[in-house]
Amino acid sequence: MSKVSIGFEGGQVLSIRIDADAEKALRKALGSTGWHELKTDDGEVRVDLARIVYIQTDGDSSRVGFGV
C-alpha cells in the first residue's frame, strides 16, 4: 500500500492509501475526463479526473521517528 495525495483545482488535497494496481490505473487515467473509482483501505472514492492538478506518492510509509 502506498500513501497517495491527490491535489485538486482550488487547493483541496485528498490523502488515501491504495495498492500498486490502483495507483497504476489512476496514473493511466490522468489526462482523460470523467470519474475514476479508487478502492482504498477506507472504502471507495470517486474522483473527477478533469480537476486533478497533481499526484504525490509516498511509498515509504513504514518510517518511524524523526528523520530528514
C-alpha atoms as a PDB file:
ATOM      1  CA  MET A   1       0.000   0.000   0.000  1.00  0.00           C
ATOM      2  CA  SER A   2       1.139   3.490  -0.833  1.00  0.00           C
ATOM      3  CA  LYS A   3       0.006   6.791   0.571  1.00  0.00           C
ATOM      4  CA  VAL A   4      -1.142   8.969  -2.318  1.00  0.00           C
ATOM      5  CA  SER A   5      -2.081  12.635  -2.073  1.00  0.00           C
ATOM      6  CA  ILE A   6      -4.262  13.913  -4.898  1.00  0.00           C
ATOM      7  CA  GLY A   7      -4.354  17.686  -5.391  1.00  0.00           C
ATOM      8  CA  PHE A   8      -7.387  19.301  -7.000  1.00  0.00           C
ATOM      9  CA  GLU A   9      -8.159  22.685  -8.525  1.00  0.00           C
ATOM     10  CA  GLY A  10      -8.933  25.103  -5.726  1.00  0.00           C
ATOM     11  CA  GLY A  11      -6.315  23.650  -3.376  1.00  0.00           C
ATOM     12  CA  GLN A  12      -8.130  20.675  -1.874  1.00  0.00           C
ATOM     13  CA  VAL A  13      -5.983  17.586  -1.225  1.00  0.00           C
ATOM     14  CA  LEU A  14      -7.214  14.034  -0.736  1.00  0.00           C
ATOM     15  CA  SER A  15      -4.806  11.658   1.041  1.00  0.00           C
ATOM     16  CA  ILE A  16      -5.564   7.959   0.617  1.00  0.00           C
ATOM     17  CA  ARG A  17      -3.864   4.566   0.816  1.00  0.00           C
ATOM     18  CA  ILE A  18      -4.145   2.432  -2.320  1.00  0.00           C
ATOM     19  CA  ASP A  19      -2.386  -0.633  -3.690  1.00  0.00           C
ATOM     20  CA  ALA A  20       0.061  -0.556  -6.615  1.00  0.00           C
ATOM     21  CA  ASP A  21      -2.537  -1.663  -9.179  1.00  0.00           C
ATOM     22  CA  ALA A  22      -4.933   1.125  -8.193  1.00  0.00           C
ATOM     23  CA  GLU A  23      -2.115   3.686  -8.343  1.00  0.00           C
ATOM     24  CA  LYS A  24      -1.085   2.469 -11.792  1.00  0.00           C
ATOM     25  CA  ALA A  25      -4.692   2.660 -13.035  1.00  0.00           C
ATOM     26  CA  LEU A  26      -5.039   6.206 -11.691  1.00  0.00           C
ATOM     27  CA  ARG A  27      -1.853   7.346 -13.417  1.00  0.00           C
ATOM     28  CA  LYS A  28      -3.030   5.766 -16.674  1.00  0.00           C
ATOM     29  CA  ALA A  29      -6.386   7.569 -16.410  1.00  0.00           C
ATOM     30  CA  LEU A  30      -4.806  11.005 -15.894  1.00  0.00           C
ATOM     31  CA  GLY A  31      -5.332  13.380 -18.793  1.00  0.00           C
ATOM     32  CA  SER A  32      -8.773  11.989 -19.562  1.00  0.00           C
ATOM     33  CA  THR A  33     -12.108  13.262 -18.306  1.00  0.00           C
ATOM     34  CA  GLY A  34     -14.885  11.764 -16.264  1.00  0.00           C
ATOM     35  CA  TRP A  35     -14.941   9.999 -12.929  1.00  0.00           C
ATOM     36  CA  HIS A  36     -12.393   7.429 -11.756  1.00  0.00           C
ATOM     37  CA  GLU A  37     -13.137   4.985  -8.932  1.00  0.00           C
ATOM     38  CA  LEU A  38     -10.440   4.037  -6.423  1.00  0.00           C
ATOM     39  CA  LYS A  39     -10.665   1.267  -3.860  1.00  0.00           C
ATOM     40  CA  THR A  40      -8.926   2.406  -0.680  1.00  0.00           C
ATOM     41  CA  ASP A  41      -8.383   0.989   2.805  1.00  0.00           C
ATOM     42  CA  ASP A  42     -11.404   3.016   3.931  1.00  0.00           C
ATOM     43  CA  GLY A  43     -13.780   2.207   1.064  1.00  0.00           C
ATOM     44  CA  GLU A  44     -14.399   3.511  -2.427  1.00  0.00           C
ATOM     45  CA  VAL A  45     -13.573   7.016  -3.624  1.00  0.00           C
ATOM     46  CA  ARG A  46     -14.556   8.589  -6.939  1.00  0.00           C
ATOM     47  CA  VAL A  47     -12.511  11.485  -8.273  1.00  0.00           C
ATOM     48  CA  ASP A  48     -13.150  13.857 -11.176  1.00  0.00           C
ATOM     49  CA  LEU A  49     -10.108  13.380 -13.414  1.00  0.00           C
ATOM     50  CA  ALA A  50     -10.526  16.808 -15.035  1.00  0.00           C
ATOM     51  CA  ARG A  51      -9.994  18.526 -11.647  1.00  0.00           C
ATOM     52  CA  ILE A  52      -6.742  16.765 -10.621  1.00  0.00           C
ATOM     53  CA  VAL A  53      -3.678  19.011 -10.777  1.00  0.00           C
ATOM     54  CA  TYR A  54      -1.107  16.732  -9.106  1.00  0.00           C
ATOM     55  CA  ILE A  55      -0.467  13.374  -7.506  1.00  0.00           C
ATOM     56  CA  GLN A  56       2.149  12.814  -4.806  1.00  0.00           C
ATOM     57  CA  THR A  57       3.158   9.293  -3.782  1.00  0.00           C
ATOM     58  CA  ASP A  58       4.886   8.338  -0.539  1.00  0.00           C
ATOM     59  CA  GLY A  59       5.874   4.706  -0.987  1.00  0.00           C
ATOM     60  CA  ASP A  60       7.938   4.508   2.213  1.00  0.00           C
ATOM     61  CA  SER A  61       5.034   4.582   4.651  1.00  0.00           C
ATOM     62  CA  SER A  62       6.772   2.397   7.255  1.00  0.00           C
ATOM     63  CA  ARG A  63       9.061   5.126   8.611  1.00  0.00           C
ATOM     64  CA  VAL A  64       9.205   5.586  12.355  1.00  0.00           C
ATOM     65  CA  GLY A  65      10.596   8.519  14.300  1.00  0.00           C
ATOM     66  CA  PHE A  66      12.055  11.770  13.094  1.00  0.00           C
ATOM     67  CA  GLY A  67      14.216  11.928  10.007  1.00  0.00           C
ATOM     68  CA  VAL A  68      15.491  14.239   7.399  1.00  0.00           C
END
